[in-house]
C-alpha atoms as a PDB file:
ATOM      1  CA  UNK A   1     111.679 117.748  82.842  1.00  0.00           C
ATOM      2  CA  UNK A   2     113.093 115.220  80.295  1.00  0.00           C
ATOM      3  CA  UNK A   3     115.675 116.826  78.168  1.00  0.00           C
ATOM      4  CA  UNK A   4     118.413 118.271  80.316  1.00  0.00           C
ATOM      5  CA  UNK A   5     121.098 119.437  77.750  1.00  0.00           C
ATOM      6  CA  UNK A   6     121.846 119.596  74.063  1.00  0.00           C
ATOM      7  CA  UNK A   7     125.698 119.680  73.440  1.00  0.00           C
ATOM      8  CA  UNK A   8     127.312 120.660  70.047  1.00  0.00           C
ATOM      9  CA  UNK A   9     130.617 119.418  68.911  1.00  0.00           C
ATOM     10  CA  UNK A  10     131.805 122.009  66.398  1.00  0.00           C
ATOM     11  CA  UNK A  11     135.436 120.494  66.416  1.00  0.00           C
ATOM     12  CA  UNK A  12     133.920 117.530  64.698  1.00  0.00           C
ATOM     13  CA  UNK A  13     131.902 119.381  61.832  1.00  0.00           C
ATOM     14  CA  UNK A  14     132.481 118.178  58.267  1.00  0.00           C
ATOM     15  CA  UNK A  15     132.684 121.588  56.737  1.00  0.00           C
ATOM     16  CA  UNK A  16     132.677 125.284  57.873  1.00  0.00           C
ATOM     17  CA  UNK A  17     131.368 126.743  54.461  1.00  0.00           C
ATOM     18  CA  UNK A  18     127.935 124.836  54.067  1.00  0.00           C
ATOM     19  CA  UNK A  19     124.700 125.289  55.953  1.00  0.00           C
ATOM     20  CA  UNK A  20     123.981 124.801  58.850  1.00  0.00           C
ATOM     21  CA  UNK A  21     127.749 124.398  59.844  1.00  0.00           C
ATOM     22  CA  UNK A  22     128.699 127.874  58.361  1.00  0.00           C
ATOM     23  CA  UNK A  23     126.317 129.655  60.918  1.00  0.00           C
ATOM     24  CA  UNK A  24     128.338 131.542  63.404  1.00  0.00           C
ATOM     25  CA  UNK A  25     125.958 130.564  66.286  1.00  0.00           C
ATOM     26  CA  UNK A  26     126.837 126.842  65.973  1.00  0.00           C
ATOM     27  CA  UNK A  27     130.365 127.451  65.725  1.00  0.00           C
ATOM     28  CA  UNK A  28     130.867 129.018  69.162  1.00  0.00           C
ATOM     29  CA  UNK A  29     127.756 127.518  71.060  1.00  0.00           C
ATOM     30  CA  UNK A  30     128.726 124.318  73.018  1.00  0.00           C
ATOM     31  CA  UNK A  31     125.739 123.594  74.953  1.00  0.00           C
ATOM     32  CA  UNK A  32     122.254 124.549  75.730  1.00  0.00           C
ATOM     33  CA  UNK A  33     120.865 123.624  79.237  1.00  0.00           C
ATOM     34  CA  UNK A  34     117.203 123.368  79.990  1.00  0.00           C
ATOM     35  CA  UNK A  35     115.974 123.917  83.508  1.00  0.00           C
ATOM     36  CA  UNK A  36     112.371 124.921  82.958  1.00  0.00           C
ATOM     37  CA  UNK A  37     109.363 122.878  81.477  1.00  0.00           C
ATOM     38  CA  UNK A  38     108.882 125.553  78.680  1.00  0.00           C
ATOM     39  CA  UNK A  39     111.854 126.715  76.835  1.00  0.00           C
ATOM     40  CA  UNK A  40     111.822 129.492  73.813  1.00  0.00           C
ATOM     41  CA  UNK A  41     114.261 129.861  71.189  1.00  0.00           C
ATOM     42  CA  UNK A  42     114.085 133.448  69.757  1.00  0.00           C
ATOM     43  CA  UNK A  43     115.867 135.461  67.117  1.00  0.00           C
ATOM     44  CA  UNK A  44     115.879 136.991  63.695  1.00  0.00           C
ATOM     45  CA  UNK A  45     115.046 134.868  60.601  1.00  0.00           C
ATOM     46  CA  UNK A  46     118.112 132.931  59.570  1.00  0.00           C
ATOM     47  CA  UNK A  47     119.598 132.879  63.057  1.00  0.00           C
ATOM     48  CA  UNK A  48     119.502 129.159  63.427  1.00  0.00           C
ATOM     49  CA  UNK A  49     116.730 128.580  66.035  1.00  0.00           C
ATOM     50  CA  UNK A  50     114.439 126.402  63.754  1.00  0.00           C
ATOM     51  CA  UNK A  51     117.556 124.530  62.482  1.00  0.00           C
ATOM     52  CA  UNK A  52     118.650 123.612  65.865  1.00  0.00           C
ATOM     53  CA  UNK A  53     115.093 122.615  66.887  1.00  0.00           C
ATOM     54  CA  UNK A  54     114.836 120.214  63.860  1.00  0.00           C
ATOM     55  CA  UNK A  55     118.173 118.796  64.749  1.00  0.00           C
ATOM     56  CA  UNK A  56     117.105 118.099  68.493  1.00  0.00           C
ATOM     57  CA  UNK A  57     114.208 116.373  67.046  1.00  0.00           C
ATOM     58  CA  UNK A  58     116.074 114.016  64.811  1.00  0.00           C
ATOM     59  CA  UNK A  59     118.720 113.494  67.640  1.00  0.00           C
ATOM     60  CA  UNK A  60     115.909 112.596  69.952  1.00  0.00           C
ATOM     61  CA  UNK A  61     114.245 110.091  67.436  1.00  0.00           C
ATOM     62  CA  UNK A  62     111.243 112.289  66.803  1.00  0.00           C
ATOM     63  CA  UNK A  63     109.502 111.941  63.559  1.00  0.00           C
ATOM     64  CA  UNK A  64     109.128 115.106  61.324  1.00  0.00           C
ATOM     65  CA  UNK A  65     106.430 115.094  59.038  1.00  0.00           C
ATOM     66  CA  UNK A  66     107.586 116.055  55.407  1.00  0.00           C
ATOM     67  CA  UNK A  67     105.974 116.797  52.315  1.00  0.00           C
ATOM     68  CA  UNK A  68     106.692 115.214  48.781  1.00  0.00           C
ATOM     69  CA  UNK A  69     110.297 115.426  47.931  1.00  0.00           C
ATOM     70  CA  UNK A  70     110.645 117.670  44.719  1.00  0.00           C
ATOM     71  CA  UNK A  71     113.520 118.277  42.449  1.00  0.00           C
ATOM     72  CA  UNK A  72     115.658 121.263  43.648  1.00  0.00           C
ATOM     73  CA  UNK A  73     118.197 123.512  42.057  1.00  0.00           C
ATOM     74  CA  UNK A  74     120.872 122.730  44.574  1.00  0.00           C
ATOM     75  CA  UNK A  75     120.802 119.851  47.193  1.00  0.00           C
ATOM     76  CA  UNK A  76     122.836 120.475  50.359  1.00  0.00           C
ATOM     77  CA  UNK A  77     124.305 117.035  51.409  1.00  0.00           C
ATOM     78  CA  UNK A  78     124.930 118.590  54.928  1.00  0.00           C
ATOM     79  CA  UNK A  79     121.534 120.233  55.615  1.00  0.00           C
ATOM     80  CA  UNK A  80     120.306 117.258  57.809  1.00  0.00           C
ATOM     81  CA  UNK A  81     123.543 116.591  59.440  1.00  0.00           C
ATOM     82  CA  UNK A  82     123.791 118.784  62.531  1.00  0.00           C
ATOM     83  CA  UNK A  83     122.244 116.099  64.786  1.00  0.00           C
ATOM     84  CA  UNK A  84     125.222 113.865  64.053  1.00  0.00           C
ATOM     85  CA  UNK A  85     127.348 116.317  65.847  1.00  0.00           C
ATOM     86  CA  UNK A  86     125.249 116.718  68.942  1.00  0.00           C
ATOM     87  CA  UNK A  87     124.767 114.894  72.245  1.00  0.00           C
ATOM     88  CA  UNK A  88     121.471 114.781  74.196  1.00  0.00           C
ATOM     89  CA  UNK A  89     121.488 114.432  78.006  1.00  0.00           C
ATOM     90  CA  UNK A  90     118.278 113.212  79.607  1.00  0.00           C
ATOM     91  CA  UNK A  91     117.040 113.679  83.148  1.00  0.00           C
ATOM     92  CA  UNK A  92     116.206 109.910  83.281  1.00  0.00           C
ATOM     93  CA  UNK A  93     115.588 108.107  79.950  1.00  0.00           C
ATOM     94  CA  UNK A  94     114.618 109.160  76.661  1.00  0.00           C
ATOM     95  CA  UNK A  95     110.728 109.943  76.028  1.00  0.00           C
ATOM     96  CA  UNK A  96     108.607 110.006  73.041  1.00  0.00           C
ATOM     97  CA  UNK A  97     107.603 113.304  71.632  1.00  0.00           C
ATOM     98  CA  UNK A  98     106.545 115.272  68.468  1.00  0.00           C
ATOM     99  CA  UNK A  99     107.582 118.079  66.290  1.00  0.00           C
ATOM    100  CA  UNK A 100     105.134 120.634  65.066  1.00  0.00           C
ATOM    101  CA  UNK A 101     105.564 123.183  62.115  1.00  0.00           C
ATOM    102  CA  UNK A 102     102.488 124.900  60.704  1.00  0.00           C
ATOM    103  CA  UNK A 103     103.738 124.457  57.051  1.00  0.00           C
ATOM    104  CA  UNK A 104     103.955 120.482  57.403  1.00  0.00           C
ATOM    105  CA  UNK A 105     101.110 120.059  59.728  1.00  0.00           C
ATOM    106  CA  UNK A 106      98.752 119.617  56.848  1.00  0.00           C
ATOM    107  CA  UNK A 107     100.675 116.513  55.951  1.00  0.00           C
ATOM    108  CA  UNK A 108      99.781 115.006  59.207  1.00  0.00           C
ATOM    109  CA  UNK A 109      96.188 116.019  58.937  1.00  0.00           C
ATOM    110  CA  UNK A 110      95.786 114.437  55.508  1.00  0.00           C
ATOM    111  CA  UNK A 111      97.165 111.209  56.842  1.00  0.00           C
ATOM    112  CA  UNK A 112      94.956 111.298  59.784  1.00  0.00           C
ATOM    113  CA  UNK A 113      91.885 111.636  57.343  1.00  0.00           C
ATOM    114  CA  UNK A 114      92.878 108.493  55.535  1.00  0.00           C
ATOM    115  CA  UNK A 115      93.204 106.672  58.873  1.00  0.00           C
ATOM    116  CA  UNK A 116      89.795 107.966  59.958  1.00  0.00           C
ATOM    117  CA  UNK A 117      88.363 106.584  56.541  1.00  0.00           C
ATOM    118  CA  UNK A 118      89.069 103.078  57.908  1.00  0.00           C
ATOM    119  CA  UNK A 119      88.649 103.645  61.547  1.00  0.00           C
ATOM    120  CA  UNK A 120      86.384 106.826  62.423  1.00  0.00           C
ATOM    121  CA  UNK A 121      86.977 106.540  66.036  1.00  0.00           C
ATOM    122  CA  UNK A 122      90.523 107.778  65.546  1.00  0.00           C
ATOM    123  CA  UNK A 123      89.016 111.386  65.226  1.00  0.00           C
ATOM    124  CA  UNK A 124      87.592 111.226  68.587  1.00  0.00           C
ATOM    125  CA  UNK A 125      90.860 111.868  70.064  1.00  0.00           C
ATOM    126  CA  UNK A 126      90.893 115.321  68.055  1.00  0.00           C
ATOM    127  CA  UNK A 127      87.546 116.382  69.147  1.00  0.00           C
ATOM    128  CA  UNK A 128      85.521 114.016  66.817  1.00  0.00           C
ATOM    129  CA  UNK A 129      85.895 116.220  63.801  1.00  0.00           C
ATOM    130  CA  UNK A 130      88.426 116.009  60.788  1.00  0.00           C
ATOM    131  CA  UNK A 131      91.214 118.496  61.112  1.00  0.00           C
ATOM    132  CA  UNK A 132      90.900 119.479  57.426  1.00  0.00           C
ATOM    133  CA  UNK A 133      87.315 120.651  58.308  1.00  0.00           C
ATOM    134  CA  UNK A 134      88.437 123.205  60.767  1.00  0.00           C
ATOM    135  CA  UNK A 135      90.152 126.492  60.140  1.00  0.00           C
ATOM    136  CA  UNK A 136      94.107 126.528  60.665  1.00  0.00           C
ATOM    137  CA  UNK A 137      93.977 128.011  64.223  1.00  0.00           C
ATOM    138  CA  UNK A 138      91.147 125.523  65.227  1.00  0.00           C
ATOM    139  CA  UNK A 139      92.753 122.386  63.851  1.00  0.00           C
ATOM    140  CA  UNK A 140      96.056 123.488  65.429  1.00  0.00           C
ATOM    141  CA  UNK A 141      94.423 124.028  68.834  1.00  0.00           C
ATOM    142  CA  UNK A 142      92.640 120.728  68.513  1.00  0.00           C
ATOM    143  CA  UNK A 143      95.925 118.863  67.960  1.00  0.00           C
ATOM    144  CA  UNK A 144      97.723 120.758  70.697  1.00  0.00           C
ATOM    145  CA  UNK A 145      94.941 119.930  73.241  1.00  0.00           C
ATOM    146  CA  UNK A 146      94.882 116.218  72.551  1.00  0.00           C
ATOM    147  CA  UNK A 147      98.586 115.601  72.088  1.00  0.00           C
ATOM    148  CA  UNK A 148      99.940 117.436  75.085  1.00  0.00           C
ATOM    149  CA  UNK A 149      98.044 115.067  77.318  1.00  0.00           C
ATOM    150  CA  UNK A 150     100.696 112.495  76.528  1.00  0.00           C
ATOM    151  CA  UNK A 151     103.961 112.241  78.463  1.00  0.00           C
ATOM    152  CA  UNK A 152     106.757 113.583  76.275  1.00  0.00           C
ATOM    153  CA  UNK A 153     108.969 116.174  74.555  1.00  0.00           C
ATOM    154  CA  UNK A 154     107.286 118.547  72.220  1.00  0.00           C
ATOM    155  CA  UNK A 155     109.246 120.646  69.778  1.00  0.00           C
ATOM    156  CA  UNK A 156     107.267 123.467  68.207  1.00  0.00           C
ATOM    157  CA  UNK A 157     108.284 125.618  65.250  1.00  0.00           C
ATOM    158  CA  UNK A 158     106.460 129.102  65.265  1.00  0.00           C
ATOM    159  CA  UNK A 159     103.146 127.519  66.375  1.00  0.00           C
ATOM    160  CA  UNK A 160     101.690 130.997  66.245  1.00  0.00           C
ATOM    161  CA  UNK A 161     101.769 131.216  62.519  1.00  0.00           C
ATOM    162  CA  UNK A 162      98.180 130.245  61.994  1.00  0.00           C
ATOM    163  CA  UNK A 163      96.956 131.608  65.526  1.00  0.00           C
ATOM    164  CA  UNK A 164      94.953 134.895  66.108  1.00  0.00           C
ATOM    165  CA  UNK A 165      96.259 136.882  69.249  1.00  0.00           C
ATOM    166  CA  UNK A 166      93.152 135.124  71.092  1.00  0.00           C
ATOM    167  CA  UNK A 167      94.188 131.726  70.028  1.00  0.00           C
ATOM    168  CA  UNK A 168      97.685 132.481  71.098  1.00  0.00           C
ATOM    169  CA  UNK A 169      96.560 133.242  74.491  1.00  0.00           C
ATOM    170  CA  UNK A 170      94.789 129.909  74.601  1.00  0.00           C
ATOM    171  CA  UNK A 171      97.967 128.311  73.755  1.00  0.00           C
ATOM    172  CA  UNK A 172      99.857 130.245  76.295  1.00  0.00           C
ATOM    173  CA  UNK A 173      97.380 129.002  78.908  1.00  0.00           C
ATOM    174  CA  UNK A 174      97.559 125.409  77.770  1.00  0.00           C
ATOM    175  CA  UNK A 175     101.331 125.695  77.815  1.00  0.00           C
ATOM    176  CA  UNK A 176     101.224 127.012  81.541  1.00  0.00           C
ATOM    177  CA  UNK A 177      98.761 124.380  82.678  1.00  0.00           C
ATOM    178  CA  UNK A 178     100.607 121.454  80.996  1.00  0.00           C
ATOM    179  CA  UNK A 179     103.875 122.512  82.000  1.00  0.00           C
ATOM    180  CA  UNK A 180     102.915 122.764  85.679  1.00  0.00           C
ATOM    181  CA  UNK A 181     101.421 119.035  85.469  1.00  0.00           C
ATOM    182  CA  UNK A 182     104.834 117.966  84.847  1.00  0.00           C
ATOM    183  CA  UNK A 183     104.468 115.302  82.176  1.00  0.00           C
ATOM    184  CA  UNK A 184     105.512 117.261  79.237  1.00  0.00           C
ATOM    185  CA  UNK A 185     108.453 119.435  78.298  1.00  0.00           C
ATOM    186  CA  UNK A 186     108.353 122.073  75.488  1.00  0.00           C
ATOM    187  CA  UNK A 187     110.863 123.779  73.271  1.00  0.00           C
ATOM    188  CA  UNK A 188     109.354 126.302  71.117  1.00  0.00           C
ATOM    189  CA  UNK A 189     110.985 128.591  68.320  1.00  0.00           C
ATOM    190  CA  UNK A 190     108.900 131.752  68.164  1.00  0.00           C
ATOM    191  CA  UNK A 191     108.423 135.209  67.143  1.00  0.00           C
ATOM    192  CA  UNK A 192     105.401 135.864  69.348  1.00  0.00           C
ATOM    193  CA  UNK A 193     105.802 138.062  72.264  1.00  0.00           C
ATOM    194  CA  UNK A 194     102.512 136.587  73.599  1.00  0.00           C
ATOM    195  CA  UNK A 195     103.833 133.075  73.858  1.00  0.00           C
ATOM    196  CA  UNK A 196     107.373 134.111  75.155  1.00  0.00           C
ATOM    197  CA  UNK A 197     105.672 136.223  77.998  1.00  0.00           C
ATOM    198  CA  UNK A 198     104.936 132.742  79.780  1.00  0.00           C
ATOM    199  CA  UNK A 199     105.613 133.094  83.318  1.00  0.00           C
ATOM    200  CA  UNK A 200     108.233 130.562  84.729  1.00  0.00           C
ATOM    201  CA  UNK A 201     109.589 129.864  81.260  1.00  0.00           C
ATOM    202  CA  UNK A 202     113.146 130.422  79.790  1.00  0.00           C
ATOM    203  CA  UNK A 203     114.141 132.174  76.857  1.00  0.00           C
ATOM    204  CA  UNK A 204     117.337 131.632  74.648  1.00  0.00           C
ATOM    205  CA  UNK A 205     118.493 134.244  72.319  1.00  0.00           C
ATOM    206  CA  UNK A 206     119.766 133.347  68.827  1.00  0.00           C
ATOM    207  CA  UNK A 207     120.846 136.891  68.105  1.00  0.00           C
ATOM    208  CA  UNK A 208     123.922 136.550  70.131  1.00  0.00           C
ATOM    209  CA  UNK A 209     126.753 134.091  69.758  1.00  0.00           C
ATOM    210  CA  UNK A 210     126.868 131.734  71.628  1.00  0.00           C
ATOM    211  CA  UNK A 211     123.305 131.085  72.377  1.00  0.00           C
ATOM    212  CA  UNK A 212     122.338 132.479  75.760  1.00  0.00           C
ATOM    213  CA  UNK A 213     119.460 133.024  78.263  1.00  0.00           C
ATOM    214  CA  UNK A 214     117.739 136.437  77.994  1.00  0.00           C
ATOM    215  CA  UNK A 215     115.027 138.257  80.151  1.00  0.00           C
ATOM    216  CA  UNK A 216     111.765 138.724  78.322  1.00  0.00           C
ATOM    217  CA  UNK A 217     111.933 142.537  78.534  1.00  0.00           C
ATOM    218  CA  UNK A 218     115.427 142.331  76.901  1.00  0.00           C
ATOM    219  CA  UNK A 219     114.065 140.607  73.722  1.00  0.00           C
ATOM    220  CA  UNK A 220     113.872 142.658  70.633  1.00  0.00           C
ATOM    221  CA  UNK A 221     110.244 141.355  70.244  1.00  0.00           C
ATOM    222  CA  UNK A 222     109.154 142.922  73.510  1.00  0.00           C
ATOM    223  CA  UNK A 223     110.965 146.134  72.821  1.00  0.00           C
ATOM    224  CA  UNK A 224     109.627 146.488  69.143  1.00  0.00           C
ATOM    225  CA  UNK A 225     106.090 145.592  70.178  1.00  0.00           C
ATOM    226  CA  UNK A 226     106.303 148.044  73.105  1.00  0.00           C
ATOM    227  CA  UNK A 227     107.711 150.799  71.106  1.00  0.00           C
ATOM    228  CA  UNK A 228     105.071 150.216  68.280  1.00  0.00           C
ATOM    229  CA  UNK A 229     102.174 150.310  70.722  1.00  0.00           C
ATOM    230  CA  UNK A 230     103.255 153.294  72.594  1.00  0.00           C
ATOM    231  CA  UNK A 231     103.919 155.233  69.461  1.00  0.00           C
ATOM    232  CA  UNK A 232     102.893 153.744  66.145  1.00  0.00           C
ATOM    233  CA  UNK A 233     103.602 156.954  64.169  1.00  0.00           C
ATOM    234  CA  UNK A 234     107.168 157.083  65.403  1.00  0.00           C
ATOM    235  CA  UNK A 235     107.825 153.715  64.025  1.00  0.00           C
ATOM    236  CA  UNK A 236     106.671 154.554  60.735  1.00  0.00           C
ATOM    237  CA  UNK A 237     108.758 157.741  60.358  1.00  0.00           C
END
């Protein structure tokens, strides 16, 4: 374990009408305590789980690869400010880490290819093959297998997006093995009932305010998939 707690300070928020400070979950949640090597953030789209995950990355000094800045219809001056109103409590001392989201991972892969053009040995760390020459699922798993060997804090935003069920089970096994080794901690925002089934993990629900721990069988994800698999026709009626 590296990160023990994230505390929010809603009494200091600069606004209550602009995102993300207008989300009810951030107005009533005071803290999230981490006690397991693997923690999952679950909830409906727009519930705030990915927003908090990014804020944790920024608070912990973890770089988030971004795409090219483009002109927008409306720019929200507060959208990256949640981390300014948070405290991070470490078990010992801050550790390095990484932030993964499938929609921005290609930016990293392109940069890696550019580095490899000058130093081909760079790719040996990722299996000796350009990530851009692998399928999305293959390159993501290549990255996970290499990166997770390093001691640190790993923040994953819906890593299942490009993974087949078989690949998700591979990731589940990797998380289980790496978590037990003790050098890495994972906080994962996900919709995958496969990933969140990891034994020995903890699940935080963002469908309730404040954020609270929830059992796997009590998640909407588990219940919906169970009902669908047991009676597909009933779900369509």
